[in-house]
N, C-alpha and C. Protein backbone atom coordinates (compact mmCIF):
# COMPACT_ATOMS: atom_id res chain seq x y z
N UNK A 1 -108.25 -27.55 181.85
CA UNK A 1 -107.93 -26.34 181.14
C UNK A 1 -108.59 -26.41 179.77
N UNK A 2 -109.09 -25.29 179.31
CA UNK A 2 -109.73 -25.23 178.00
C UNK A 2 -109.07 -24.14 177.16
N UNK A 3 -108.84 -24.47 175.91
CA UNK A 3 -108.34 -23.49 174.95
C UNK A 3 -109.32 -23.45 173.80
N UNK A 4 -109.36 -22.34 173.09
CA UNK A 4 -110.28 -22.24 171.96
C UNK A 4 -109.55 -21.73 170.72
N UNK A 5 -110.05 -22.17 169.58
CA UNK A 5 -109.52 -21.71 168.30
C UNK A 5 -110.67 -21.63 167.31
N UNK A 6 -110.47 -20.85 166.29
CA UNK A 6 -111.49 -20.70 165.25
C UNK A 6 -110.99 -21.38 163.98
N UNK A 7 -111.81 -22.25 163.42
CA UNK A 7 -111.45 -22.94 162.19
C UNK A 7 -112.19 -22.23 161.06
N UNK A 8 -111.47 -21.35 160.41
CA UNK A 8 -112.06 -20.46 159.41
C UNK A 8 -112.71 -21.22 158.25
N UNK A 9 -112.06 -22.27 157.77
CA UNK A 9 -112.56 -23.03 156.62
C UNK A 9 -113.93 -23.64 156.90
N UNK A 10 -114.18 -24.03 158.17
CA UNK A 10 -115.46 -24.66 158.51
C UNK A 10 -116.38 -23.74 159.31
N UNK A 11 -115.86 -22.56 159.65
CA UNK A 11 -116.62 -21.56 160.41
C UNK A 11 -117.16 -22.13 161.72
N UNK A 12 -116.26 -22.76 162.48
CA UNK A 12 -116.60 -23.31 163.79
C UNK A 12 -115.51 -22.94 164.79
N UNK A 13 -115.89 -22.95 166.03
CA UNK A 13 -114.96 -22.72 167.13
C UNK A 13 -114.67 -24.08 167.77
N UNK A 14 -113.40 -24.38 167.96
CA UNK A 14 -113.02 -25.63 168.61
C UNK A 14 -112.59 -25.31 170.04
N UNK A 15 -113.21 -26.03 170.97
CA UNK A 15 -112.83 -25.96 172.38
C UNK A 15 -112.08 -27.24 172.70
N UNK A 16 -110.86 -27.11 173.20
CA UNK A 16 -110.04 -28.26 173.53
C UNK A 16 -109.80 -28.27 175.03
N UNK A 17 -110.16 -29.39 175.64
CA UNK A 17 -110.07 -29.57 177.09
C UNK A 17 -108.93 -30.53 177.40
N UNK A 18 -108.09 -30.18 178.37
CA UNK A 18 -107.02 -31.05 178.82
C UNK A 18 -107.09 -31.18 180.34
N UNK A 19 -106.95 -32.42 180.81
CA UNK A 19 -107.00 -32.70 182.24
C UNK A 19 -105.80 -33.56 182.62
N UNK A 20 -104.89 -33.04 183.42
CA UNK A 20 -103.79 -33.89 183.89
C UNK A 20 -104.30 -34.83 184.98
N UNK A 21 -103.73 -36.02 185.07
CA UNK A 21 -104.18 -36.99 186.09
C UNK A 21 -104.11 -36.45 187.51
N UNK A 22 -103.19 -35.55 187.79
CA UNK A 22 -103.06 -34.99 189.14
C UNK A 22 -104.31 -34.23 189.57
N UNK A 23 -105.14 -33.82 188.61
CA UNK A 23 -106.36 -33.08 188.94
C UNK A 23 -107.59 -33.98 189.07
N UNK A 24 -107.36 -35.29 188.99
CA UNK A 24 -108.44 -36.26 189.15
C UNK A 24 -108.30 -36.97 190.49
N UNK A 25 -109.41 -37.45 191.05
CA UNK A 25 -109.31 -38.22 192.30
C UNK A 25 -108.45 -39.46 192.07
N UNK A 26 -107.81 -39.91 193.12
CA UNK A 26 -106.98 -41.11 193.01
C UNK A 26 -107.84 -42.31 192.65
N UNK A 27 -107.24 -43.23 191.91
CA UNK A 27 -107.94 -44.44 191.51
C UNK A 27 -107.92 -44.61 190.02
N UNK A 28 -108.49 -45.70 189.59
CA UNK A 28 -108.49 -46.04 188.17
C UNK A 28 -109.45 -45.16 187.39
N UNK A 29 -109.02 -44.74 186.23
CA UNK A 29 -109.87 -43.99 185.31
C UNK A 29 -110.28 -44.95 184.20
N UNK A 30 -111.52 -45.42 184.27
CA UNK A 30 -111.99 -46.30 183.20
C UNK A 30 -112.67 -45.50 182.10
N UNK A 31 -113.19 -44.32 182.47
CA UNK A 31 -113.76 -43.43 181.46
C UNK A 31 -113.78 -42.01 182.00
N UNK A 32 -113.62 -41.08 181.08
CA UNK A 32 -113.71 -39.66 181.41
C UNK A 32 -114.36 -38.98 180.23
N UNK A 33 -115.46 -38.31 180.48
CA UNK A 33 -116.18 -37.63 179.41
C UNK A 33 -116.48 -36.20 179.81
N UNK A 34 -116.82 -35.41 178.81
CA UNK A 34 -117.21 -34.03 179.08
C UNK A 34 -118.65 -33.86 178.61
N UNK A 35 -119.45 -33.29 179.48
CA UNK A 35 -120.85 -33.02 179.17
C UNK A 35 -121.07 -31.52 179.32
N UNK A 36 -121.85 -30.97 178.43
CA UNK A 36 -122.09 -29.54 178.52
C UNK A 36 -123.23 -29.08 177.63
N UNK A 37 -123.44 -27.79 177.67
CA UNK A 37 -124.52 -27.21 176.86
C UNK A 37 -124.21 -27.34 175.37
N UNK A 38 -122.99 -27.66 175.01
CA UNK A 38 -122.60 -27.81 173.61
C UNK A 38 -122.87 -29.22 173.07
N UNK A 39 -123.13 -30.20 173.93
CA UNK A 39 -123.42 -31.57 173.46
C UNK A 39 -124.63 -32.18 174.16
N UNK A 40 -125.59 -31.32 174.51
CA UNK A 40 -126.83 -31.75 175.17
C UNK A 40 -126.58 -32.50 176.48
N UNK A 41 -125.50 -32.17 177.16
CA UNK A 41 -125.14 -32.77 178.45
C UNK A 41 -124.98 -34.28 178.37
N UNK A 42 -124.46 -34.74 177.26
CA UNK A 42 -124.24 -36.17 177.05
C UNK A 42 -122.75 -36.48 177.20
N UNK A 43 -122.31 -37.04 178.34
CA UNK A 43 -120.88 -37.29 178.55
C UNK A 43 -120.31 -38.36 177.62
N UNK A 44 -121.17 -39.20 177.06
CA UNK A 44 -120.71 -40.23 176.13
C UNK A 44 -120.44 -39.65 174.74
N UNK A 45 -120.97 -38.46 174.46
CA UNK A 45 -120.78 -37.84 173.15
C UNK A 45 -119.35 -37.34 172.96
N UNK A 46 -118.68 -37.01 174.07
CA UNK A 46 -117.34 -36.43 173.97
C UNK A 46 -116.41 -37.07 175.01
N UNK A 47 -115.91 -38.27 174.72
CA UNK A 47 -114.98 -38.91 175.66
C UNK A 47 -113.58 -38.30 175.55
N UNK A 48 -112.86 -38.34 176.63
CA UNK A 48 -111.46 -37.92 176.63
C UNK A 48 -110.60 -39.06 176.11
N UNK A 49 -109.46 -38.70 175.54
CA UNK A 49 -108.46 -39.65 175.08
C UNK A 49 -107.19 -39.42 175.89
N UNK A 50 -106.53 -40.52 176.27
CA UNK A 50 -105.27 -40.42 176.99
C UNK A 50 -104.15 -40.18 175.99
N UNK A 51 -103.35 -39.14 176.19
CA UNK A 51 -102.24 -38.83 175.30
C UNK A 51 -100.92 -39.25 175.94
N UNK A 52 -99.96 -39.58 175.10
CA UNK A 52 -98.64 -39.99 175.58
C UNK A 52 -97.96 -38.90 176.40
N UNK A 53 -98.31 -37.65 176.15
CA UNK A 53 -97.68 -36.56 176.92
C UNK A 53 -98.21 -36.48 178.35
N UNK A 54 -99.14 -37.37 178.71
CA UNK A 54 -99.58 -37.48 180.09
C UNK A 54 -100.79 -36.68 180.48
N UNK A 55 -101.70 -36.42 179.56
CA UNK A 55 -102.95 -35.72 179.87
C UNK A 55 -104.11 -36.38 179.15
N UNK A 56 -105.30 -36.15 179.67
CA UNK A 56 -106.52 -36.53 178.97
C UNK A 56 -106.95 -35.34 178.12
N UNK A 57 -107.40 -35.61 176.90
CA UNK A 57 -107.75 -34.52 175.99
C UNK A 57 -109.05 -34.84 175.26
N UNK A 58 -109.89 -33.81 175.10
CA UNK A 58 -111.13 -33.92 174.33
C UNK A 58 -111.40 -32.59 173.66
N UNK A 59 -112.09 -32.64 172.52
CA UNK A 59 -112.44 -31.41 171.80
C UNK A 59 -113.89 -31.45 171.37
N UNK A 60 -114.50 -30.28 171.38
CA UNK A 60 -115.86 -30.11 170.85
C UNK A 60 -115.83 -28.91 169.91
N UNK A 61 -116.79 -28.87 169.02
CA UNK A 61 -116.91 -27.73 168.12
C UNK A 61 -118.27 -27.08 168.31
N UNK A 62 -118.27 -25.76 168.30
CA UNK A 62 -119.51 -24.99 168.40
C UNK A 62 -119.54 -24.00 167.24
N UNK A 63 -120.73 -23.68 166.80
CA UNK A 63 -120.87 -22.79 165.64
C UNK A 63 -120.95 -21.32 166.02
N UNK A 64 -121.37 -21.05 167.23
CA UNK A 64 -121.63 -19.66 167.63
C UNK A 64 -120.81 -19.27 168.85
N UNK A 65 -120.36 -18.02 168.90
CA UNK A 65 -119.77 -17.51 170.13
C UNK A 65 -120.86 -17.50 171.22
N UNK A 66 -120.45 -17.53 172.44
CA UNK A 66 -121.42 -17.49 173.53
C UNK A 66 -120.85 -18.08 174.80
N UNK A 67 -121.72 -18.24 175.78
CA UNK A 67 -121.35 -18.79 177.07
C UNK A 67 -121.83 -20.23 177.12
N UNK A 68 -120.91 -21.14 177.43
CA UNK A 68 -121.21 -22.56 177.49
C UNK A 68 -120.85 -23.10 178.87
N UNK A 69 -121.72 -23.98 179.39
CA UNK A 69 -121.50 -24.63 180.68
C UNK A 69 -121.06 -26.06 180.42
N UNK A 70 -120.24 -26.59 181.34
CA UNK A 70 -119.77 -27.96 181.18
C UNK A 70 -119.30 -28.54 182.52
N UNK A 71 -119.17 -29.87 182.54
CA UNK A 71 -118.59 -30.62 183.66
C UNK A 71 -117.97 -31.89 183.10
N UNK A 72 -117.11 -32.50 183.90
CA UNK A 72 -116.51 -33.77 183.54
C UNK A 72 -117.22 -34.89 184.29
N UNK A 73 -117.33 -36.07 183.65
CA UNK A 73 -117.91 -37.23 184.32
C UNK A 73 -116.87 -38.34 184.34
N UNK A 74 -116.46 -38.72 185.55
CA UNK A 74 -115.44 -39.73 185.76
C UNK A 74 -116.09 -41.08 186.03
N UNK A 75 -115.68 -42.08 185.26
CA UNK A 75 -116.13 -43.46 185.44
C UNK A 75 -117.66 -43.60 185.45
N UNK A 76 -118.32 -42.70 184.74
CA UNK A 76 -119.77 -42.78 184.59
C UNK A 76 -120.57 -42.44 185.83
N UNK A 77 -119.92 -41.95 186.89
CA UNK A 77 -120.68 -41.72 188.12
C UNK A 77 -120.26 -40.51 188.96
N UNK A 78 -119.08 -39.96 188.74
CA UNK A 78 -118.62 -38.86 189.58
C UNK A 78 -118.41 -37.60 188.75
N UNK A 79 -119.21 -36.56 189.06
CA UNK A 79 -119.09 -35.29 188.36
C UNK A 79 -117.93 -34.49 188.94
N UNK A 80 -117.13 -33.90 188.06
CA UNK A 80 -115.98 -33.11 188.47
C UNK A 80 -115.99 -31.77 187.74
N UNK A 81 -115.36 -30.79 188.35
CA UNK A 81 -115.22 -29.50 187.70
C UNK A 81 -113.79 -29.29 187.22
N UNK A 82 -113.66 -28.41 186.28
CA UNK A 82 -112.37 -28.00 185.74
C UNK A 82 -111.77 -26.99 186.70
N UNK A 83 -110.60 -27.31 187.27
CA UNK A 83 -109.95 -26.42 188.22
C UNK A 83 -109.53 -25.11 187.57
N UNK A 84 -109.48 -25.08 186.24
CA UNK A 84 -109.02 -23.90 185.52
C UNK A 84 -110.15 -23.17 184.79
N UNK A 85 -111.39 -23.48 185.11
CA UNK A 85 -112.52 -22.83 184.45
C UNK A 85 -112.46 -21.32 184.67
N UNK A 86 -112.95 -20.58 183.69
CA UNK A 86 -112.91 -19.12 183.82
C UNK A 86 -113.95 -18.61 184.82
N UNK A 87 -114.99 -19.40 185.05
CA UNK A 87 -116.03 -19.03 186.01
C UNK A 87 -116.83 -20.28 186.35
N UNK A 88 -117.70 -20.14 187.35
CA UNK A 88 -118.59 -21.23 187.75
C UNK A 88 -119.99 -20.65 187.89
N UNK A 89 -120.99 -21.49 187.62
CA UNK A 89 -122.38 -21.05 187.72
C UNK A 89 -123.20 -22.16 188.40
N UNK A 90 -123.99 -21.78 189.35
CA UNK A 90 -124.82 -22.74 190.07
C UNK A 90 -125.82 -23.39 189.12
N UNK A 91 -125.93 -24.73 189.18
CA UNK A 91 -126.91 -25.43 188.34
C UNK A 91 -128.14 -25.82 189.15
N UNK A 92 -129.10 -26.44 188.49
CA UNK A 92 -130.37 -26.79 189.14
C UNK A 92 -130.23 -27.90 190.18
N UNK A 93 -129.07 -28.54 190.26
CA UNK A 93 -128.82 -29.60 191.25
C UNK A 93 -128.08 -29.07 192.48
N UNK A 94 -127.87 -27.75 192.52
CA UNK A 94 -127.20 -27.14 193.65
C UNK A 94 -125.68 -27.27 193.60
N UNK A 95 -125.16 -27.64 192.45
CA UNK A 95 -123.71 -27.76 192.26
C UNK A 95 -123.26 -26.73 191.24
N UNK A 96 -121.96 -26.57 191.12
CA UNK A 96 -121.41 -25.61 190.16
C UNK A 96 -121.12 -26.26 188.81
N UNK A 97 -121.49 -25.56 187.75
CA UNK A 97 -121.03 -25.90 186.41
C UNK A 97 -119.82 -25.02 186.11
N UNK A 98 -118.96 -25.51 185.26
CA UNK A 98 -117.85 -24.70 184.75
C UNK A 98 -118.38 -23.86 183.60
N UNK A 99 -117.77 -22.72 183.39
CA UNK A 99 -118.21 -21.81 182.33
C UNK A 99 -117.03 -21.47 181.43
N UNK A 100 -117.29 -21.50 180.12
CA UNK A 100 -116.31 -21.03 179.14
C UNK A 100 -117.04 -20.07 178.20
N UNK A 101 -116.40 -18.96 177.89
CA UNK A 101 -116.97 -17.98 176.97
C UNK A 101 -116.22 -18.04 175.65
N UNK A 102 -116.95 -18.36 174.61
CA UNK A 102 -116.37 -18.40 173.26
C UNK A 102 -116.52 -17.00 172.68
N UNK A 103 -115.40 -16.39 172.34
CA UNK A 103 -115.40 -15.03 171.83
C UNK A 103 -115.38 -15.03 170.30
N UNK A 104 -116.03 -14.06 169.67
CA UNK A 104 -116.05 -14.01 168.20
C UNK A 104 -114.64 -13.93 167.62
N UNK A 105 -114.48 -14.60 166.48
CA UNK A 105 -113.18 -14.59 165.80
C UNK A 105 -112.98 -13.28 165.07
C-alpha cells in the first residue's frame, strides 16, 4: 500500500510504502527494497524497515507530481508487485510494474 503527502517546507512529495508480511511469499525476509522510476530502479537505494506494528515500511521523496512505476525486490532476487497498486503497466521484461500517480498539492 502506498500513501502520499506533501511536505510544504521542503516542496517535496513523500510516498510511503507499507507491506504486511502476509503479502510476501513464505520464508525468511533477509532484505526487502523498493525500486522505481523515482530512484533509478535501484532497490538498494530504498530498503524497507521492519516496524513493531508488524509491517515493512519505506519512504521516497519526489519533487514533481506525475506517474511513477515501482516494484519490490525480496532477498535481492525475487521481484514482487504491490497488491494495492492503483494500476499496473507492462514493462520491457514482459512483467507488470506497479503505478502510483502523485497529484499536485
